[in-house]
Amino acid sequence: MITYKGLPAPIICDFLSREESRKHYAAGTEFHIGRIEMVGNTGTYVDSPFHRFAERSDLSALPLESLADLEGVVVRAPGSERAITPGAFQGIDVQGKAVLVHTGWSRHWRTGQYFEGHPFLTREAAEYLAGAGAVFVGIDSLNIDDTADGARPVHTILLANQIPICEHMTGLDQLPDSGFRFHAVPVKVRAFGTFPVRAYAVLEP
């Protein structure tokens, strides 16, 4: 699975197969130990501030409450405009919430189209979300920034404000606009900025 052009696909294999393990245990007893070699930016992943800033919080320093059991809102931005501006968030209370931007781009996941012409947030949108008190921002697209802009202003603004980012999300069409709790917890690794997550929502009764 290639998540981002230029980054390698993960290698998933046996470290110890069930067959090999039988040599080490009593008759009828076997185990499997798997091995994964991958870059942090694989699949659906969360960026910590360390991804952008060497002196900021890495994965091991992110508070659990910044990643789990967050009140969530979905912002629908499925229009033809690639650049998502602050107007998309007007009238939506994002204070203290995980803001998940549904563009519909995940329909291209695992195709060549996914890498070309993706939707993204503008610098102004990132400034708006940070100023309005969002605590987590996700998007169902290749990158939350315009990849043609080497300054990566959205990563810079959100991560400077200690707001984790989640990219390559899918299934946002299945969520209501609000009324759910959101979870996206990576493993705790020191001096590491990005790691895959199993992002999910729990609908409130």
N, C-alpha and C. Protein backbone atom coordinates (compact mmCIF):
# COMPACT_ATOMS: atom_id res chain seq x y z
N MET A 1 0.85 -1.19 0.00
CA MET A 1 0.00 0.00 0.00
C MET A 1 0.89 1.24 0.00
N ILE A 2 0.80 2.01 -1.08
CA ILE A 2 1.52 3.28 -1.15
C ILE A 2 0.59 4.38 -0.66
N THR A 3 0.94 5.04 0.43
CA THR A 3 0.11 6.09 0.99
C THR A 3 0.43 7.44 0.37
N TYR A 4 1.70 7.66 0.08
CA TYR A 4 2.16 8.96 -0.40
C TYR A 4 3.31 8.71 -1.37
N LYS A 5 3.22 9.27 -2.59
CA LYS A 5 4.25 9.03 -3.59
C LYS A 5 5.63 9.39 -3.07
N GLY A 6 6.58 8.50 -3.29
CA GLY A 6 7.94 8.73 -2.84
C GLY A 6 8.27 8.05 -1.52
N LEU A 7 7.24 7.64 -0.78
CA LEU A 7 7.45 6.92 0.47
C LEU A 7 7.19 5.43 0.23
N PRO A 8 8.00 4.56 0.80
CA PRO A 8 7.86 3.14 0.51
C PRO A 8 6.62 2.52 1.15
N ALA A 9 6.16 1.46 0.53
CA ALA A 9 5.07 0.67 1.11
C ALA A 9 5.59 -0.11 2.31
N PRO A 10 4.71 -0.46 3.23
CA PRO A 10 5.17 -1.26 4.38
C PRO A 10 5.52 -2.68 3.95
N ILE A 11 6.42 -3.28 4.70
CA ILE A 11 6.76 -4.70 4.53
C ILE A 11 6.21 -5.44 5.74
N ILE A 12 5.33 -6.38 5.52
CA ILE A 12 4.70 -7.14 6.60
C ILE A 12 5.05 -8.61 6.40
N CYS A 13 5.67 -9.20 7.39
CA CYS A 13 6.15 -10.58 7.24
C CYS A 13 6.23 -11.27 8.60
N ASP A 14 6.65 -12.51 8.58
CA ASP A 14 6.88 -13.26 9.82
C ASP A 14 8.26 -12.92 10.38
N PHE A 15 8.33 -12.72 11.67
CA PHE A 15 9.61 -12.78 12.36
C PHE A 15 9.82 -14.21 12.84
N LEU A 16 8.76 -14.77 13.41
CA LEU A 16 8.76 -16.18 13.81
C LEU A 16 7.45 -16.79 13.32
N SER A 17 7.54 -17.72 12.39
CA SER A 17 6.34 -18.37 11.86
C SER A 17 5.86 -19.43 12.84
N ARG A 18 4.63 -19.85 12.68
CA ARG A 18 4.09 -20.93 13.53
C ARG A 18 4.91 -22.21 13.35
N GLU A 19 5.28 -22.47 12.10
CA GLU A 19 6.05 -23.69 11.84
C GLU A 19 7.39 -23.66 12.56
N GLU A 20 8.10 -22.51 12.47
CA GLU A 20 9.40 -22.40 13.14
C GLU A 20 9.26 -22.43 14.65
N SER A 21 8.16 -21.89 15.16
CA SER A 21 7.99 -21.82 16.61
C SER A 21 7.85 -23.19 17.26
N ARG A 22 7.39 -24.16 16.49
CA ARG A 22 7.18 -25.50 17.06
C ARG A 22 8.47 -26.12 17.58
N LYS A 23 9.61 -25.65 17.07
CA LYS A 23 10.90 -26.17 17.52
C LYS A 23 11.22 -25.74 18.95
N HIS A 24 10.54 -24.69 19.42
CA HIS A 24 10.88 -24.08 20.71
C HIS A 24 9.91 -24.42 21.83
N TYR A 25 8.79 -25.06 21.50
CA TYR A 25 7.75 -25.30 22.51
C TYR A 25 7.36 -26.77 22.55
N ALA A 26 6.54 -27.07 23.52
CA ALA A 26 6.09 -28.45 23.68
C ALA A 26 5.21 -28.85 22.50
N ALA A 27 5.06 -30.14 22.31
CA ALA A 27 4.25 -30.65 21.21
C ALA A 27 2.84 -30.08 21.28
N GLY A 28 2.34 -29.60 20.15
CA GLY A 28 1.00 -29.04 20.09
C GLY A 28 0.92 -27.56 20.44
N THR A 29 2.07 -26.95 20.79
CA THR A 29 2.09 -25.53 21.16
C THR A 29 2.85 -24.74 20.09
N GLU A 30 2.24 -23.68 19.61
CA GLU A 30 2.89 -22.85 18.59
C GLU A 30 2.47 -21.39 18.76
N PHE A 31 3.32 -20.48 18.29
CA PHE A 31 3.04 -19.05 18.36
C PHE A 31 3.44 -18.39 17.04
N HIS A 32 2.91 -17.20 16.82
CA HIS A 32 3.32 -16.39 15.68
C HIS A 32 3.79 -15.03 16.17
N ILE A 33 4.93 -14.57 15.68
CA ILE A 33 5.42 -13.22 15.94
C ILE A 33 5.61 -12.54 14.59
N GLY A 34 4.87 -11.47 14.37
CA GLY A 34 4.95 -10.78 13.10
C GLY A 34 5.94 -9.63 13.13
N ARG A 35 6.29 -9.16 11.94
CA ARG A 35 7.23 -8.05 11.81
C ARG A 35 6.72 -7.08 10.76
N ILE A 36 6.78 -5.78 11.07
CA ILE A 36 6.39 -4.74 10.13
C ILE A 36 7.54 -3.74 10.02
N GLU A 37 7.91 -3.42 8.78
CA GLU A 37 8.87 -2.35 8.52
C GLU A 37 8.13 -1.29 7.70
N MET A 38 8.07 -0.06 8.23
CA MET A 38 7.30 0.96 7.52
C MET A 38 7.73 2.35 7.97
N VAL A 39 7.39 3.33 7.14
CA VAL A 39 7.53 4.72 7.54
C VAL A 39 6.30 5.10 8.37
N GLY A 40 6.45 6.15 9.18
CA GLY A 40 5.33 6.56 10.03
C GLY A 40 4.12 7.03 9.24
N ASN A 41 4.37 7.60 8.05
CA ASN A 41 3.28 8.13 7.23
C ASN A 41 2.72 7.01 6.35
N THR A 42 2.04 6.08 6.98
CA THR A 42 1.45 4.94 6.28
C THR A 42 -0.02 4.83 6.66
N GLY A 43 -0.88 4.69 5.67
CA GLY A 43 -2.32 4.55 5.93
C GLY A 43 -2.90 5.81 6.53
N THR A 44 -3.88 5.65 7.40
CA THR A 44 -4.45 6.78 8.15
C THR A 44 -3.55 7.04 9.34
N TYR A 45 -3.00 8.25 9.46
CA TYR A 45 -2.04 8.50 10.51
C TYR A 45 -2.26 9.86 11.17
N VAL A 46 -1.70 9.98 12.36
CA VAL A 46 -1.75 11.22 13.12
C VAL A 46 -0.37 11.86 13.13
N ASP A 47 -0.35 13.17 12.89
CA ASP A 47 0.87 13.97 13.02
C ASP A 47 0.88 14.65 14.39
N SER A 48 1.98 14.51 15.12
CA SER A 48 2.20 15.26 16.35
C SER A 48 3.00 16.52 16.00
N PRO A 49 3.07 17.49 16.90
CA PRO A 49 3.86 18.69 16.61
C PRO A 49 5.32 18.41 16.24
N PHE A 50 5.89 17.33 16.75
CA PHE A 50 7.28 16.97 16.45
C PHE A 50 7.49 16.72 14.96
N HIS A 51 6.45 16.32 14.27
CA HIS A 51 6.53 16.09 12.82
C HIS A 51 7.03 17.35 12.11
N ARG A 52 6.65 18.51 12.63
CA ARG A 52 7.01 19.79 12.00
C ARG A 52 8.09 20.55 12.79
N PHE A 53 8.07 20.39 14.11
CA PHE A 53 8.95 21.19 14.97
C PHE A 53 9.78 20.28 15.88
N ALA A 54 11.10 20.37 15.76
CA ALA A 54 11.98 19.47 16.50
C ALA A 54 11.82 19.59 18.01
N GLU A 55 11.44 20.77 18.50
CA GLU A 55 11.38 20.99 19.94
C GLU A 55 10.00 20.76 20.53
N ARG A 56 9.02 20.43 19.69
CA ARG A 56 7.64 20.28 20.18
C ARG A 56 7.32 18.83 20.53
N SER A 57 6.11 18.60 21.00
CA SER A 57 5.68 17.29 21.51
C SER A 57 5.75 16.20 20.45
N ASP A 58 6.42 15.10 20.81
CA ASP A 58 6.43 13.94 19.92
C ASP A 58 5.26 13.01 20.28
N LEU A 59 5.21 11.85 19.65
CA LEU A 59 4.09 10.93 19.91
C LEU A 59 4.01 10.53 21.38
N SER A 60 5.16 10.39 22.03
CA SER A 60 5.15 9.95 23.43
C SER A 60 4.64 11.03 24.37
N ALA A 61 4.66 12.28 23.91
CA ALA A 61 4.29 13.39 24.79
C ALA A 61 2.87 13.91 24.54
N LEU A 62 2.19 13.38 23.54
CA LEU A 62 0.81 13.82 23.30
C LEU A 62 -0.10 13.34 24.42
N PRO A 63 -0.83 14.21 25.08
CA PRO A 63 -1.76 13.76 26.12
C PRO A 63 -2.85 12.87 25.51
N LEU A 64 -3.21 11.82 26.21
CA LEU A 64 -4.24 10.93 25.70
C LEU A 64 -5.54 11.67 25.45
N GLU A 65 -5.83 12.67 26.28
CA GLU A 65 -7.09 13.40 26.12
C GLU A 65 -7.09 14.27 24.87
N SER A 66 -5.96 14.42 24.20
CA SER A 66 -5.93 15.16 22.94
C SER A 66 -6.21 14.27 21.74
N LEU A 67 -6.37 12.96 21.99
CA LEU A 67 -6.52 11.99 20.92
C LEU A 67 -7.72 11.07 21.08
N ALA A 68 -8.25 10.97 22.28
CA ALA A 68 -9.29 9.98 22.57
C ALA A 68 -10.50 10.61 23.23
N ASP A 69 -11.66 10.08 22.90
CA ASP A 69 -12.93 10.49 23.50
C ASP A 69 -13.18 11.98 23.33
N LEU A 70 -12.88 12.48 22.14
CA LEU A 70 -13.11 13.88 21.81
C LEU A 70 -14.51 14.07 21.24
N GLU A 71 -15.16 15.14 21.61
CA GLU A 71 -16.40 15.49 20.93
C GLU A 71 -16.05 15.86 19.49
N GLY A 72 -16.78 15.28 18.54
CA GLY A 72 -16.42 15.49 17.15
C GLY A 72 -17.50 16.18 16.34
N VAL A 73 -17.07 16.86 15.28
CA VAL A 73 -17.98 17.43 14.29
C VAL A 73 -17.41 17.13 12.91
N VAL A 74 -18.30 16.89 11.96
CA VAL A 74 -17.90 16.70 10.57
C VAL A 74 -18.29 17.94 9.78
N VAL A 75 -17.34 18.47 9.05
CA VAL A 75 -17.59 19.63 8.19
C VAL A 75 -17.61 19.13 6.76
N ARG A 76 -18.72 19.33 6.07
CA ARG A 76 -18.88 18.84 4.70
C ARG A 76 -18.33 19.87 3.71
N ALA A 77 -17.34 19.45 2.94
CA ALA A 77 -16.75 20.34 1.94
C ALA A 77 -16.51 19.56 0.65
N PRO A 78 -17.57 19.01 0.08
CA PRO A 78 -17.41 18.13 -1.08
C PRO A 78 -17.48 18.86 -2.42
N GLY A 79 -17.40 20.20 -2.42
CA GLY A 79 -17.56 20.96 -3.65
C GLY A 79 -16.40 20.82 -4.61
N SER A 80 -16.47 21.51 -5.71
CA SER A 80 -15.46 21.41 -6.76
C SER A 80 -14.21 22.22 -6.45
N GLU A 81 -14.29 23.13 -5.47
CA GLU A 81 -13.12 23.94 -5.12
C GLU A 81 -12.14 23.12 -4.29
N ARG A 82 -10.88 23.09 -4.73
CA ARG A 82 -9.87 22.34 -3.98
C ARG A 82 -9.52 23.01 -2.66
N ALA A 83 -9.42 24.32 -2.68
CA ALA A 83 -8.98 25.07 -1.50
C ALA A 83 -10.15 25.31 -0.57
N ILE A 84 -10.06 24.78 0.65
CA ILE A 84 -11.13 24.90 1.64
C ILE A 84 -10.82 26.09 2.53
N THR A 85 -11.67 27.08 2.50
CA THR A 85 -11.44 28.36 3.18
C THR A 85 -12.19 28.41 4.51
N PRO A 86 -11.99 29.47 5.30
CA PRO A 86 -12.72 29.58 6.57
C PRO A 86 -14.23 29.56 6.41
N GLY A 87 -14.73 29.92 5.24
CA GLY A 87 -16.17 29.91 5.04
C GLY A 87 -16.81 28.55 5.27
N ALA A 88 -16.05 27.47 5.06
CA ALA A 88 -16.59 26.12 5.26
C ALA A 88 -16.94 25.85 6.71
N PHE A 89 -16.35 26.63 7.63
CA PHE A 89 -16.51 26.37 9.06
C PHE A 89 -17.44 27.38 9.75
N GLN A 90 -17.93 28.33 8.97
CA GLN A 90 -18.80 29.34 9.56
C GLN A 90 -20.07 28.73 10.11
N GLY A 91 -20.47 29.17 11.28
CA GLY A 91 -21.69 28.66 11.90
C GLY A 91 -21.54 27.33 12.59
N ILE A 92 -20.33 26.77 12.62
CA ILE A 92 -20.08 25.48 13.27
C ILE A 92 -19.24 25.71 14.52
N ASP A 93 -19.70 25.22 15.65
CA ASP A 93 -18.96 25.37 16.90
C ASP A 93 -17.84 24.34 16.93
N VAL A 94 -16.59 24.78 16.80
CA VAL A 94 -15.45 23.87 16.80
C VAL A 94 -14.67 23.92 18.11
N GLN A 95 -15.07 24.75 19.04
CA GLN A 95 -14.36 24.92 20.31
C GLN A 95 -14.26 23.59 21.06
N GLY A 96 -13.03 23.16 21.32
CA GLY A 96 -12.80 21.94 22.08
C GLY A 96 -13.13 20.66 21.35
N LYS A 97 -13.26 20.73 20.02
CA LYS A 97 -13.74 19.57 19.26
C LYS A 97 -12.70 19.04 18.26
N ALA A 98 -12.87 17.77 17.92
CA ALA A 98 -12.17 17.20 16.77
C ALA A 98 -12.96 17.57 15.54
N VAL A 99 -12.32 18.27 14.62
CA VAL A 99 -12.98 18.75 13.41
C VAL A 99 -12.53 17.86 12.25
N LEU A 100 -13.46 17.11 11.68
CA LEU A 100 -13.16 16.17 10.61
C LEU A 100 -13.72 16.73 9.31
N VAL A 101 -12.85 16.99 8.35
CA VAL A 101 -13.25 17.63 7.10
C VAL A 101 -13.53 16.55 6.05
N HIS A 102 -14.81 16.47 5.67
CA HIS A 102 -15.25 15.47 4.70
C HIS A 102 -15.29 16.10 3.31
N THR A 103 -14.31 15.74 2.48
CA THR A 103 -14.26 16.25 1.11
C THR A 103 -14.76 15.25 0.08
N GLY A 104 -14.83 13.98 0.48
CA GLY A 104 -15.20 12.93 -0.46
C GLY A 104 -14.02 12.39 -1.26
N TRP A 105 -12.82 12.95 -1.03
CA TRP A 105 -11.66 12.53 -1.81
C TRP A 105 -11.26 11.08 -1.55
N SER A 106 -11.65 10.53 -0.42
CA SER A 106 -11.28 9.14 -0.11
C SER A 106 -11.89 8.15 -1.09
N ARG A 107 -12.82 8.60 -1.91
CA ARG A 107 -13.36 7.70 -2.94
C ARG A 107 -12.28 7.29 -3.94
N HIS A 108 -11.19 8.07 -3.99
CA HIS A 108 -10.09 7.76 -4.90
C HIS A 108 -8.98 6.94 -4.25
N TRP A 109 -9.15 6.58 -2.98
CA TRP A 109 -8.12 5.83 -2.25
C TRP A 109 -7.76 4.56 -3.02
N ARG A 110 -6.49 4.27 -3.08
CA ARG A 110 -5.92 3.11 -3.79
C ARG A 110 -6.04 3.24 -5.30
N THR A 111 -6.17 4.47 -5.80
CA THR A 111 -6.14 4.71 -7.25
C THR A 111 -5.12 5.81 -7.54
N GLY A 112 -4.72 5.94 -8.80
CA GLY A 112 -3.78 6.98 -9.18
C GLY A 112 -4.33 8.37 -8.99
N GLN A 113 -5.65 8.53 -9.11
CA GLN A 113 -6.27 9.84 -8.96
C GLN A 113 -6.06 10.42 -7.57
N TYR A 114 -5.92 9.54 -6.58
CA TYR A 114 -5.79 10.00 -5.20
C TYR A 114 -4.63 10.98 -5.03
N PHE A 115 -3.57 10.81 -5.82
CA PHE A 115 -2.35 11.60 -5.65
C PHE A 115 -2.38 12.92 -6.42
N GLU A 116 -3.40 13.16 -7.21
CA GLU A 116 -3.42 14.32 -8.10
C GLU A 116 -4.62 15.22 -7.80
N GLY A 117 -4.36 16.49 -7.53
CA GLY A 117 -5.44 17.47 -7.42
C GLY A 117 -6.31 17.34 -6.18
N HIS A 118 -5.72 16.94 -5.06
CA HIS A 118 -6.49 16.70 -3.85
C HIS A 118 -6.98 17.99 -3.19
N PRO A 119 -8.08 17.94 -2.44
CA PRO A 119 -8.53 19.11 -1.66
C PRO A 119 -7.61 19.34 -0.46
N PHE A 120 -7.58 20.59 0.02
CA PHE A 120 -6.72 20.95 1.15
C PHE A 120 -7.28 22.17 1.85
N LEU A 121 -6.82 22.42 3.06
CA LEU A 121 -7.19 23.63 3.78
C LEU A 121 -6.26 24.78 3.41
N THR A 122 -6.77 25.97 3.41
CA THR A 122 -5.93 27.15 3.19
C THR A 122 -5.30 27.58 4.51
N ARG A 123 -4.28 28.42 4.39
CA ARG A 123 -3.66 29.00 5.58
C ARG A 123 -4.71 29.70 6.45
N GLU A 124 -5.61 30.42 5.80
CA GLU A 124 -6.63 31.16 6.54
C GLU A 124 -7.57 30.22 7.28
N ALA A 125 -7.88 29.07 6.69
CA ALA A 125 -8.73 28.09 7.36
C ALA A 125 -8.04 27.54 8.61
N ALA A 126 -6.74 27.27 8.49
CA ALA A 126 -5.99 26.78 9.65
C ALA A 126 -5.94 27.83 10.74
N GLU A 127 -5.73 29.07 10.37
CA GLU A 127 -5.72 30.15 11.36
C GLU A 127 -7.08 30.27 12.04
N TYR A 128 -8.13 30.11 11.26
CA TYR A 128 -9.48 30.19 11.83
C TYR A 128 -9.70 29.06 12.83
N LEU A 129 -9.36 27.83 12.46
CA LEU A 129 -9.59 26.69 13.34
C LEU A 129 -8.79 26.81 14.63
N ALA A 130 -7.54 27.23 14.50
CA ALA A 130 -6.71 27.40 15.71
C ALA A 130 -7.29 28.49 16.60
N GLY A 131 -7.72 29.59 16.01
CA GLY A 131 -8.28 30.68 16.79
C GLY A 131 -9.62 30.38 17.40
N ALA A 132 -10.38 29.49 16.74
CA ALA A 132 -11.72 29.14 17.22
C ALA A 132 -11.70 28.01 18.24
N GLY A 133 -10.52 27.46 18.52
CA GLY A 133 -10.41 26.49 19.61
C GLY A 133 -10.54 25.03 19.22
N ALA A 134 -10.38 24.68 17.94
CA ALA A 134 -10.37 23.27 17.56
C ALA A 134 -9.19 22.58 18.25
N VAL A 135 -9.36 21.31 18.65
CA VAL A 135 -8.29 20.62 19.36
C VAL A 135 -7.70 19.47 18.56
N PHE A 136 -8.31 19.17 17.42
CA PHE A 136 -7.85 18.08 16.55
C PHE A 136 -8.47 18.35 15.19
N VAL A 137 -7.71 18.13 14.11
CA VAL A 137 -8.24 18.35 12.77
C VAL A 137 -7.87 17.17 11.88
N GLY A 138 -8.86 16.60 11.21
CA GLY A 138 -8.63 15.50 10.29
C GLY A 138 -9.21 15.80 8.93
N ILE A 139 -8.74 15.09 7.91
CA ILE A 139 -9.23 15.27 6.55
C ILE A 139 -9.14 13.96 5.79
N ASP A 140 -10.09 13.74 4.89
CA ASP A 140 -10.11 12.51 4.08
C ASP A 140 -9.43 12.76 2.74
N SER A 141 -8.19 13.23 2.78
CA SER A 141 -7.48 13.63 1.58
C SER A 141 -6.01 13.27 1.70
N LEU A 142 -5.29 13.43 0.59
CA LEU A 142 -3.87 13.10 0.55
C LEU A 142 -3.05 13.91 1.53
N ASN A 143 -3.40 15.19 1.69
CA ASN A 143 -2.64 16.07 2.57
C ASN A 143 -3.54 17.21 2.99
N ILE A 144 -3.39 17.64 4.22
CA ILE A 144 -4.20 18.76 4.70
C ILE A 144 -3.71 20.08 4.11
N ASP A 145 -2.48 20.08 3.60
CA ASP A 145 -1.89 21.23 2.92
C ASP A 145 -1.94 21.03 1.40
N ASP A 146 -1.80 22.13 0.68
CA ASP A 146 -1.54 22.08 -0.75
C ASP A 146 -0.10 21.61 -0.93
N THR A 147 0.12 20.45 -1.53
CA THR A 147 1.47 19.91 -1.64
C THR A 147 2.36 20.73 -2.58
N ALA A 148 1.76 21.65 -3.32
CA ALA A 148 2.56 22.55 -4.16
C ALA A 148 3.18 23.68 -3.35
N ASP A 149 2.75 23.83 -2.11
CA ASP A 149 3.26 24.89 -1.23
C ASP A 149 4.25 24.28 -0.25
N GLY A 150 5.53 24.50 -0.52
CA GLY A 150 6.56 23.90 0.32
C GLY A 150 6.60 24.43 1.74
N ALA A 151 5.92 25.53 2.01
CA ALA A 151 5.90 26.08 3.37
C ALA A 151 4.97 25.30 4.29
N ARG A 152 4.06 24.51 3.72
CA ARG A 152 3.10 23.72 4.49
C ARG A 152 2.47 24.55 5.62
N PRO A 153 1.74 25.61 5.27
CA PRO A 153 1.22 26.51 6.31
C PRO A 153 0.21 25.87 7.25
N VAL A 154 -0.59 24.93 6.78
CA VAL A 154 -1.61 24.34 7.65
C VAL A 154 -0.95 23.47 8.72
N HIS A 155 -0.01 22.61 8.31
CA HIS A 155 0.75 21.85 9.30
C HIS A 155 1.43 22.80 10.29
N THR A 156 2.04 23.84 9.76
CA THR A 156 2.78 24.77 10.61
C THR A 156 1.88 25.42 11.65
N ILE A 157 0.75 25.90 11.23
CA ILE A 157 -0.15 26.63 12.13
C ILE A 157 -0.79 25.69 13.15
N LEU A 158 -1.35 24.58 12.68
CA LEU A 158 -2.05 23.67 13.60
C LEU A 158 -1.07 23.03 14.59
N LEU A 159 0.04 22.52 14.10
CA LEU A 159 0.98 21.83 15.00
C LEU A 159 1.67 22.81 15.94
N ALA A 160 1.88 24.05 15.51
CA ALA A 160 2.43 25.06 16.41
C ALA A 160 1.48 25.35 17.57
N ASN A 161 0.20 25.13 17.32
CA ASN A 161 -0.81 25.33 18.36
C ASN A 161 -1.18 24.03 19.08
N GLN A 162 -0.34 23.02 18.93
CA GLN A 162 -0.49 21.74 19.63
C GLN A 162 -1.79 21.03 19.23
N ILE A 163 -2.18 21.18 17.97
CA ILE A 163 -3.39 20.55 17.45
C ILE A 163 -2.98 19.39 16.56
N PRO A 164 -3.17 18.13 16.98
CA PRO A 164 -2.81 16.99 16.13
C PRO A 164 -3.61 17.00 14.83
N ILE A 165 -3.00 16.43 13.80
CA ILE A 165 -3.60 16.35 12.47
C ILE A 165 -3.74 14.88 12.08
N CYS A 166 -4.85 14.54 11.45
CA CYS A 166 -5.04 13.19 10.92
C CYS A 166 -5.31 13.30 9.42
N GLU A 167 -4.56 12.55 8.62
CA GLU A 167 -4.72 12.57 7.17
C GLU A 167 -5.07 11.18 6.65
N HIS A 168 -5.59 11.14 5.42
CA HIS A 168 -5.98 9.89 4.75
C HIS A 168 -7.13 9.20 5.49
N MET A 169 -8.06 9.96 5.99
CA MET A 169 -9.21 9.36 6.65
C MET A 169 -10.18 8.81 5.59
N THR A 170 -11.00 7.86 5.99
CA THR A 170 -12.05 7.34 5.12
C THR A 170 -13.32 7.17 5.95
N GLY A 171 -14.43 7.00 5.27
CA GLY A 171 -15.69 6.70 5.96
C GLY A 171 -16.37 7.87 6.61
N LEU A 172 -15.93 9.09 6.35
CA LEU A 172 -16.57 10.24 7.00
C LEU A 172 -18.00 10.44 6.51
N ASP A 173 -18.32 9.88 5.36
CA ASP A 173 -19.69 9.95 4.86
C ASP A 173 -20.66 9.16 5.73
N GLN A 174 -20.12 8.26 6.55
CA GLN A 174 -20.96 7.42 7.41
C GLN A 174 -21.27 8.07 8.76
N LEU A 175 -20.64 9.20 9.03
CA LEU A 175 -20.84 9.87 10.32
C LEU A 175 -21.89 10.97 10.22
N PRO A 176 -22.60 11.21 11.32
CA PRO A 176 -23.47 12.40 11.37
C PRO A 176 -22.60 13.64 11.51
N ASP A 177 -23.20 14.80 11.33
CA ASP A 177 -22.44 16.05 11.45
C ASP A 177 -21.93 16.28 12.86
N SER A 178 -22.62 15.75 13.85
CA SER A 178 -22.23 15.89 15.25
C SER A 178 -22.87 14.75 16.03
N GLY A 179 -22.64 14.75 17.35
CA GLY A 179 -23.24 13.70 18.17
C GLY A 179 -22.43 12.42 18.21
N PHE A 180 -21.10 12.55 18.22
CA PHE A 180 -20.24 11.37 18.32
C PHE A 180 -18.97 11.73 19.07
N ARG A 181 -18.31 10.71 19.60
CA ARG A 181 -17.01 10.85 20.26
C ARG A 181 -15.96 10.22 19.35
N PHE A 182 -14.85 10.92 19.19
CA PHE A 182 -13.84 10.52 18.22
C PHE A 182 -12.56 10.04 18.92
N HIS A 183 -11.93 9.02 18.33
CA HIS A 183 -10.71 8.43 18.87
C HIS A 183 -9.70 8.20 17.74
N ALA A 184 -8.46 8.58 17.95
CA ALA A 184 -7.38 8.32 16.98
C ALA A 184 -6.05 8.33 17.74
N VAL A 185 -5.72 7.20 18.35
CA VAL A 185 -4.58 7.13 19.27
C VAL A 185 -3.43 6.35 18.65
N PRO A 186 -2.29 7.00 18.40
CA PRO A 186 -1.10 6.28 17.94
C PRO A 186 -0.35 5.67 19.11
N VAL A 187 0.63 4.84 18.82
CA VAL A 187 1.49 4.31 19.88
C VAL A 187 2.38 5.42 20.41
N LYS A 188 2.90 5.24 21.61
CA LYS A 188 3.80 6.23 22.22
C LYS A 188 5.23 5.88 21.84
N VAL A 189 5.79 6.67 20.94
CA VAL A 189 7.17 6.47 20.51
C VAL A 189 7.92 7.79 20.68
N ARG A 190 9.03 7.75 21.40
CA ARG A 190 9.80 8.97 21.63
C ARG A 190 10.56 9.36 20.35
N ALA A 191 10.69 10.67 20.13
CA ALA A 191 11.41 11.22 18.97
C ALA A 191 10.83 10.73 17.65
N PHE A 192 9.51 10.62 17.60
CA PHE A 192 8.80 10.19 16.40
C PHE A 192 7.60 11.10 16.24
N GLY A 193 7.34 11.54 15.02
CA GLY A 193 6.30 12.54 14.83
C GLY A 193 4.98 12.04 14.30
N THR A 194 4.97 10.90 13.60
CA THR A 194 3.78 10.44 12.89
C THR A 194 3.64 8.94 13.04
N PHE A 195 2.40 8.47 13.17
CA PHE A 195 2.20 7.02 13.25
C PHE A 195 0.76 6.68 12.84
N PRO A 196 0.56 5.49 12.24
CA PRO A 196 -0.79 5.08 11.85
C PRO A 196 -1.72 4.93 13.06
N VAL A 197 -2.99 5.17 12.81
CA VAL A 197 -4.02 5.00 13.83
C VAL A 197 -5.20 4.26 13.23
N ARG A 198 -5.99 3.66 14.08
CA ARG A 198 -7.31 3.17 13.67
C ARG A 198 -8.30 4.21 14.19
N ALA A 199 -8.61 5.19 13.34
CA ALA A 199 -9.52 6.27 13.74
C ALA A 199 -10.94 5.74 13.72
N TYR A 200 -11.69 6.06 14.79
CA TYR A 200 -13.08 5.61 14.83
C TYR A 200 -13.92 6.56 15.68
N ALA A 201 -15.21 6.46 15.48
CA ALA A 201 -16.15 7.30 16.22
C ALA A 201 -17.16 6.42 16.93
N VAL A 202 -17.60 6.88 18.07
CA VAL A 202 -18.67 6.21 18.82
C VAL A 202 -19.85 7.16 18.83
N LEU A 203 -20.97 6.73 18.25
CA LEU A 203 -22.15 7.58 18.18
C LEU A 203 -22.80 7.68 19.54
N GLU A 204 -23.19 8.89 19.89
CA GLU A 204 -23.85 9.11 21.16
C GLU A 204 -25.30 8.67 21.05
N PRO A 205 -25.86 8.06 22.13
CA PRO A 205 -27.24 7.59 22.08
C PRO A 205 -28.22 8.76 21.97
